[in-house]
PDB file of N, CA and C in Angstrom:
ATOM      1  N   UNK A   1     -10.585   2.748  14.593  1.00  0.00           N
ATOM      2  CA  UNK A   1      -9.930   4.342  14.308  1.00  0.00           C
ATOM      3  C   UNK A   1     -10.266   4.354  12.791  1.00  0.00           C
ATOM      4  N   UNK A   2     -11.071   5.668  12.641  1.00  0.00           N
ATOM      5  CA  UNK A   2     -10.552   5.652  11.632  1.00  0.00           C
ATOM      6  C   UNK A   2      -9.904   7.181  11.145  1.00  0.00           C
ATOM      7  N   UNK A   3      -9.302   6.890   9.783  1.00  0.00           N
ATOM      8  CA  UNK A   3      -8.342   7.688   9.412  1.00  0.00           C
ATOM      9  C   UNK A   3      -8.818   7.764   8.157  1.00  0.00           C
ATOM     10  N   UNK A   4      -7.600   9.623   7.336  1.00  0.00           N
ATOM     11  CA  UNK A   4      -8.078   9.416   6.330  1.00  0.00           C
ATOM     12  C   UNK A   4      -6.577  10.005   5.435  1.00  0.00           C
ATOM     13  N   UNK A   5      -5.824   8.740   5.676  1.00  0.00           N
ATOM     14  CA  UNK A   5      -4.736   8.608   4.827  1.00  0.00           C
ATOM     15  C   UNK A   5      -5.212   8.092   3.907  1.00  0.00           C
ATOM     16  N   UNK A   6      -6.163   7.000   2.699  1.00  0.00           N
ATOM     17  CA  UNK A   6      -6.568   7.183   1.736  1.00  0.00           C
ATOM     18  C   UNK A   6      -6.952   8.641   0.695  1.00  0.00           C
ATOM     19  N   UNK A   7      -7.591   9.340   1.373  1.00  0.00           N
ATOM     20  CA  UNK A   7      -8.215  10.714   0.728  1.00  0.00           C
ATOM     21  C   UNK A   7      -6.723  12.076   0.422  1.00  0.00           C
ATOM     22  N   UNK A   8      -6.301  11.544   2.115  1.00  0.00           N
ATOM     23  CA  UNK A   8      -5.563  12.331   1.139  1.00  0.00           C
ATOM     24  C   UNK A   8      -3.839  11.907   0.546  1.00  0.00           C
ATOM     25  N   UNK A   9      -3.919  10.442   0.466  1.00  0.00           N
ATOM     26  CA  UNK A   9      -2.755   9.464  -0.508  1.00  0.00           C
ATOM     27  C   UNK A   9      -3.372  10.208  -1.937  1.00  0.00           C
ATOM     28  N   UNK A  10      -4.489  10.249  -1.954  1.00  0.00           N
ATOM     29  CA  UNK A  10      -5.207  10.163  -3.483  1.00  0.00           C
ATOM     30  C   UNK A  10      -5.174  11.615  -4.129  1.00  0.00           C
ATOM     31  N   UNK A  11      -5.001  12.714  -2.533  1.00  0.00           N
ATOM     32  CA  UNK A  11      -5.024  13.867  -3.059  1.00  0.00           C
ATOM     33  C   UNK A  11      -3.980  13.996  -3.569  1.00  0.00           C
ATOM     34  N   UNK A  12      -2.461  13.270  -3.187  1.00  0.00           N
ATOM     35  CA  UNK A  12      -1.491  13.736  -3.467  1.00  0.00           C
ATOM     36  C   UNK A  12      -0.750  12.933  -4.560  1.00  0.00           C
ATOM     37  N   UNK A  13      -1.814  12.385  -5.385  1.00  0.00           N
ATOM     38  CA  UNK A  13      -1.054  10.878  -6.426  1.00  0.00           C
ATOM     39  C   UNK A  13      -0.197  10.392  -5.878  1.00  0.00           C
ATOM     40  N   UNK A  14      -0.349   9.825  -5.187  1.00  0.00           N
ATOM     41  CA  UNK A  14       1.248   8.856  -4.236  1.00  0.00           C
ATOM     42  C   UNK A  14       0.175   7.290  -4.512  1.00  0.00           C
ATOM     43  N   UNK A  15       0.734   5.971  -4.691  1.00  0.00           N
ATOM     44  CA  UNK A  15      -0.038   5.247  -4.475  1.00  0.00           C
ATOM     45  C   UNK A  15       0.739   4.285  -3.301  1.00  0.00           C
ATOM     46  N   UNK A  16      -0.309   3.012  -3.229  1.00  0.00           N
ATOM     47  CA  UNK A  16       0.359   2.835  -1.618  1.00  0.00           C
ATOM     48  C   UNK A  16       0.749   2.154  -1.077  1.00  0.00           C
ATOM     49  N   UNK A  17       2.077   1.937  -2.463  1.00  0.00           N
ATOM     50  CA  UNK A  17       3.818   1.475  -2.575  1.00  0.00           C
ATOM     51  C   UNK A  17       4.269   2.546  -2.103  1.00  0.00           C
ATOM     52  N   UNK A  18       4.253   4.062  -2.551  1.00  0.00           N
ATOM     53  CA  UNK A  18       5.091   4.730  -2.534  1.00  0.00           C
ATOM     54  C   UNK A  18       4.721   5.403  -0.784  1.00  0.00           C
ATOM     55  N   UNK A  19       3.414   5.245  -0.869  1.00  0.00           N
ATOM     56  CA  UNK A  19       3.229   5.332   0.645  1.00  0.00           C
ATOM     57  C   UNK A  19       4.432   5.181   1.615  1.00  0.00           C
ATOM     58  N   UNK A  20       4.033   3.443   1.883  1.00  0.00           N
ATOM     59  CA  UNK A  20       4.715   2.338   1.926  1.00  0.00           C
ATOM     60  C   UNK A  20       6.174   2.659   2.433  1.00  0.00           C
ATOM     61  N   UNK A  21       6.573   2.821   0.949  1.00  0.00           N
ATOM     62  CA  UNK A  21       8.115   3.258   1.222  1.00  0.00           C
ATOM     63  C   UNK A  21       8.474   4.105   1.868  1.00  0.00           C
ATOM     64  N   UNK A  22       7.708   5.509   1.532  1.00  0.00           N
ATOM     65  CA  UNK A  22       8.328   6.683   2.547  1.00  0.00           C
ATOM     66  C   UNK A  22       8.290   7.041   4.554  1.00  0.00           C
ATOM     67  N   UNK A  23       7.031   6.007   4.460  1.00  0.00           N
ATOM     68  CA  UNK A  23       6.987   5.561   5.804  1.00  0.00           C
ATOM     69  C   UNK A  23       7.471   4.294   6.165  1.00  0.00           C
ATOM     70  N   UNK A  24       8.351   3.233   5.586  1.00  0.00           N
ATOM     71  CA  UNK A  24       9.467   2.112   6.142  1.00  0.00           C
ATOM     72  C   UNK A  24       7.947   1.392   6.435  1.00  0.00           C
ATOM     73  N   UNK A  25       6.652   1.145   5.844  1.00  0.00           N
ATOM     74  CA  UNK A  25       5.993   0.071   6.292  1.00  0.00           C
ATOM     75  C   UNK A  25       6.067  -0.660   4.829  1.00  0.00           C
ATOM     76  N   UNK A  26       4.670  -1.736   5.281  1.00  0.00           N
ATOM     77  CA  UNK A  26       4.683  -2.689   3.732  1.00  0.00           C
ATOM     78  C   UNK A  26       3.523  -2.120   3.402  1.00  0.00           C
ATOM     79  N   UNK A  27       3.429  -2.276   2.047  1.00  0.00           N
ATOM     80  CA  UNK A  27       2.226  -1.826   1.201  1.00  0.00           C
ATOM     81  C   UNK A  27       1.025  -2.595   1.916  1.00  0.00           C
ATOM     82  N   UNK A  28       1.246  -3.872   2.707  1.00  0.00           N
ATOM     83  CA  UNK A  28      -0.583  -4.134   2.885  1.00  0.00           C
ATOM     84  C   UNK A  28      -0.507  -3.812   4.378  1.00  0.00           C
ATOM     85  N   UNK A  29       0.339  -2.569   5.454  1.00  0.00           N
ATOM     86  CA  UNK A  29      -0.067  -2.478   5.737  1.00  0.00           C
ATOM     87  C   UNK A  29      -0.826  -1.271   5.800  1.00  0.00           C
ATOM     88  N   UNK A  30      -0.043  -0.100   4.456  1.00  0.00           N
ATOM     89  CA  UNK A  30      -0.739   0.710   4.311  1.00  0.00           C
ATOM     90  C   UNK A  30      -2.866   0.541   3.737  1.00  0.00           C
ATOM     91  N   UNK A  31      -2.661  -0.615   3.212  1.00  0.00           N
ATOM     92  CA  UNK A  31      -4.539  -0.889   3.092  1.00  0.00           C
ATOM     93  C   UNK A  31      -4.578  -1.399   4.082  1.00  0.00           C
ATOM     94  N   UNK A  32      -4.315  -2.520   4.971  1.00  0.00           N
ATOM     95  CA  UNK A  32      -5.060  -2.601   6.877  1.00  0.00           C
ATOM     96  C   UNK A  32      -5.220  -0.931   7.170  1.00  0.00           C
ATOM     97  N   UNK A  33      -4.625  -0.762   6.942  1.00  0.00           N
ATOM     98  CA  UNK A  33      -5.182   1.373   7.555  1.00  0.00           C
ATOM     99  C   UNK A  33      -6.026   1.431   7.014  1.00  0.00           C
ATOM    100  N   UNK A  34      -5.633   1.606   5.766  1.00  0.00           N
ATOM    101  CA  UNK A  34      -6.703   2.824   4.887  1.00  0.00           C
ATOM    102  C   UNK A  34      -8.153   1.451   4.821  1.00  0.00           C
ATOM    103  N   UNK A  35      -8.073   0.146   5.218  1.00  0.00           N
ATOM    104  CA  UNK A  35      -9.333  -0.168   5.352  1.00  0.00           C
ATOM    105  C   UNK A  35      -9.958  -0.130   7.246  1.00  0.00           C
ATOM    106  N   UNK A  36      -9.664   0.178   8.359  1.00  0.00           N
ATOM    107  CA  UNK A  36      -9.828   0.432   8.981  1.00  0.00           C
ATOM    108  C   UNK A  36      -9.089  -0.681  10.486  1.00  0.00           C
ATOM    109  N   UNK A  37      -8.377  -2.128   9.784  1.00  0.00           N
ATOM    110  CA  UNK A  37      -7.665  -3.251  10.248  1.00  0.00           C
ATOM    111  C   UNK A  37      -6.370  -3.182  10.590  1.00  0.00           C
ATOM    112  N   UNK A  38      -5.856  -1.484  10.766  1.00  0.00           N
ATOM    113  CA  UNK A  38      -5.269  -2.058  12.040  1.00  0.00           C
ATOM    114  C   UNK A  38      -5.315  -0.961  12.205  1.00  0.00           C
ATOM    115  N   UNK A  39      -4.592  -0.715  13.152  1.00  0.00           N
ATOM    116  CA  UNK A  39      -4.738   0.944  14.510  1.00  0.00           C
ATOM    117  C   UNK A  39      -3.005   1.266  14.220  1.00  0.00           C
ATOM    118  N   UNK A  40      -2.851   2.787  13.468  1.00  0.00           N
ATOM    119  CA  UNK A  40      -0.499   2.323  13.522  1.00  0.00           C
ATOM    120  C   UNK A  40      -0.859   3.029  14.651  1.00  0.00           C
ATOM    121  N   UNK A  41       0.559   2.574  15.014  1.00  0.00           N
ATOM    122  CA  UNK A  41       1.649   2.364  16.521  1.00  0.00           C
ATOM    123  C   UNK A  41       1.954   4.424  16.851  1.00  0.00           C
ATOM    124  N   UNK A  42       1.836   4.821  17.414  1.00  0.00           N
ATOM    125  CA  UNK A  42       2.321   6.126  17.712  1.00  0.00           C
ATOM    126  C   UNK A  42       3.830   6.487  16.777  1.00  0.00           C
ATOM    127  N   UNK A  43       4.539   5.808  17.065  1.00  0.00           N
ATOM    128  CA  UNK A  43       5.762   6.244  15.691  1.00  0.00           C
ATOM    129  C   UNK A  43       4.749   6.048  14.571  1.00  0.00           C
ATOM    130  N   UNK A  44       4.649   5.398  14.092  1.00  0.00           N
ATOM    131  CA  UNK A  44       3.615   5.306  12.323  1.00  0.00           C
ATOM    132  C   UNK A  44       2.864   6.281  12.820  1.00  0.00           C
ATOM    133  N   UNK A  45       2.097   7.096  13.516  1.00  0.00           N
ATOM    134  CA  UNK A  45       0.725   7.915  13.201  1.00  0.00           C
ATOM    135  C   UNK A  45       1.644   8.971  12.565  1.00  0.00           C
ATOM    136  N   UNK A  46       2.771   9.218  13.560  1.00  0.00           N
ATOM    137  CA  UNK A  46       3.491  10.766  13.901  1.00  0.00           C
ATOM    138  C   UNK A  46       4.285  10.783  12.326  1.00  0.00           C
ATOM    139  N   UNK A  47       5.067   9.806  12.366  1.00  0.00           N
ATOM    140  CA  UNK A  47       5.623   9.851  10.412  1.00  0.00           C
ATOM    141  C   UNK A  47       4.938  10.093   9.662  1.00  0.00           C
ATOM    142  N   UNK A  48       3.587   9.015   9.521  1.00  0.00           N
ATOM    143  CA  UNK A  48       2.478   9.788   8.475  1.00  0.00           C
ATOM    144  C   UNK A  48       1.768  11.405   8.516  1.00  0.00           C
ATOM    145  N   UNK A  49       1.807  11.323   9.448  1.00  0.00           N
ATOM    146  CA  UNK A  49       1.430  12.969   9.489  1.00  0.00           C
ATOM    147  C   UNK A  49       2.261  14.001   9.333  1.00  0.00           C
ATOM    148  N   UNK A  50       3.201  13.500   9.074  1.00  0.00           N
ATOM    149  CA  UNK A  50       4.517  14.432   8.747  1.00  0.00           C
ATOM    150  C   UNK A  50       4.403  14.246   7.496  1.00  0.00           C
ATOM    151  N   UNK A  51       4.200  12.779   6.968  1.00  0.00           N
ATOM    152  CA  UNK A  51       4.473  12.838   5.742  1.00  0.00           C
ATOM    153  C   UNK A  51       3.481  14.231   4.898  1.00  0.00           C
ATOM    154  N   UNK A  52       1.808  13.916   5.790  1.00  0.00           N
ATOM    155  CA  UNK A  52       0.999  14.488   5.073  1.00  0.00           C
ATOM    156  C   UNK A  52       1.009  15.998   5.036  1.00  0.00           C
ATOM    157  N   UNK A  53       1.909  16.522   6.259  1.00  0.00           N
ATOM    158  CA  UNK A  53       2.400  17.927   7.010  1.00  0.00           C
ATOM    159  C   UNK A  53       0.943  18.286   7.606  1.00  0.00           C
ATOM    160  N   UNK A  54       0.209  16.657   8.839  1.00  0.00           N
ATOM    161  CA  UNK A  54      -1.207  17.952   9.396  1.00  0.00           C
ATOM    162  C   UNK A  54      -0.505  17.074  10.514  1.00  0.00           C
ATOM    163  N   UNK A  55      -1.481  17.471  12.232  1.00  0.00           N
ATOM    164  CA  UNK A  55      -1.119  16.592  12.789  1.00  0.00           C
ATOM    165  C   UNK A  55      -1.605  15.803  12.744  1.00  0.00           C
ATOM    166  N   UNK A  56      -1.386  14.636  13.928  1.00  0.00           N
ATOM    167  CA  UNK A  56      -1.443  13.086  14.503  1.00  0.00           C
ATOM    168  C   UNK A  56      -3.186  13.496  14.124  1.00  0.00           C
ATOM    169  N   UNK A  57      -3.878  15.152  15.010  1.00  0.00           N
ATOM    170  CA  UNK A  57      -5.351  14.922  14.870  1.00  0.00           C
ATOM    171  C   UNK A  57      -6.679  14.641  13.400  1.00  0.00           C
ATOM    172  N   UNK A  58      -5.210  15.390  13.005  1.00  0.00           N
ATOM    173  CA  UNK A  58      -5.910  15.602  12.093  1.00  0.00           C
ATOM    174  C   UNK A  58      -6.313  14.383  10.936  1.00  0.00           C
ATOM    175  N   UNK A  59      -5.122  13.755  11.030  1.00  0.00           N
ATOM    176  CA  UNK A  59      -5.689  12.419  10.122  1.00  0.00           C
ATOM    177  C   UNK A  59      -6.078  11.073  10.719  1.00  0.00           C
ATOM    178  N   UNK A  60      -5.702  11.522  11.465  1.00  0.00           N
ATOM    179  CA  UNK A  60      -6.627  10.043  12.693  1.00  0.00           C
ATOM    180  C   UNK A  60      -7.882  10.931  13.372  1.00  0.00           C
ATOM    181  N   UNK A  61      -9.101  10.238  13.108  1.00  0.00           N
ATOM    182  CA  UNK A  61     -10.246  10.810  13.543  1.00  0.00           C
ATOM    183  C   UNK A  61     -10.433  10.330  14.775  1.00  0.00           C
ATOM    184  N   UNK A  62     -10.109  10.337  15.538  1.00  0.00           N
ATOM    185  CA  UNK A  62     -11.758   9.529  16.952  1.00  0.00           C
ATOM    186  C   UNK A  62     -12.675  10.139  16.857  1.00  0.00           C
ATOM    187  N   UNK A  63     -13.126   9.321  17.468  1.00  0.00           N
ATOM    188  CA  UNK A  63     -14.604   9.047  17.846  1.00  0.00           C
ATOM    189  C   UNK A  63     -14.743   9.154  19.188  1.00  0.00           C
ATOM    190  N   UNK A  64     -16.071  10.412  19.524  1.00  0.00           N
ATOM    191  CA  UNK A  64     -16.399  10.029  20.919  1.00  0.00           C
ATOM    192  C   UNK A  64     -17.239   8.407  21.409  1.00  0.00           C
ATOM    193  N   UNK A  65     -17.535   7.706  20.861  1.00  0.00           N
ATOM    194  CA  UNK A  65     -18.580   6.637  21.398  1.00  0.00           C
ATOM    195  C   UNK A  65     -16.950   5.797  21.562  1.00  0.00           C
ATOM    196  N   UNK A  66     -15.829   5.765  21.435  1.00  0.00           N
ATOM    197  CA  UNK A  66     -14.449   4.573  20.916  1.00  0.00           C
ATOM    198  C   UNK A  66     -14.387   4.815  23.139  1.00  0.00           C
ATOM    199  N   UNK A  67     -14.262   3.117  23.740  1.00  0.00           N
ATOM    200  CA  UNK A  67     -13.667   3.370  24.628  1.00  0.00           C
ATOM    201  C   UNK A  67     -12.869   2.831  24.896  1.00  0.00           C
ATOM    202  N   UNK A  68     -11.403   3.675  24.956  1.00  0.00           N
ATOM    203  CA  UNK A  68      -9.951   4.000  25.234  1.00  0.00           C
ATOM    204  C   UNK A  68      -9.903   2.593  26.657  1.00  0.00           C
ATOM    205  N   UNK A  69      -8.368   2.188  26.164  1.00  0.00           N
ATOM    206  CA  UNK A  69      -8.348   1.242  27.753  1.00  0.00           C
ATOM    207  C   UNK A  69      -6.944   2.046  27.835  1.00  0.00           C
ATOM    208  N   UNK A  70      -6.709   3.299  27.948  1.00  0.00           N
ATOM    209  CA  UNK A  70      -5.366   3.927  28.542  1.00  0.00           C
ATOM    210  C   UNK A  70      -5.291   4.135  29.151  1.00  0.00           C
TER     211      UNK A  70
END
């Protein structure tokens, strides 16, 4: 799942560590999210969206070709 975390983080001039601290996760988690190697839990997605003042849908980009196992 693609996301806008890196774009929004850089626009706000927030370091990966500062974002990690704000979301109560490790810097490695932020790196993995930004690189698309890790999909955030619903709780983490909610916290990140709140941090940036946007909705989860605006932060995480759900692609039409993804096959969900929901």
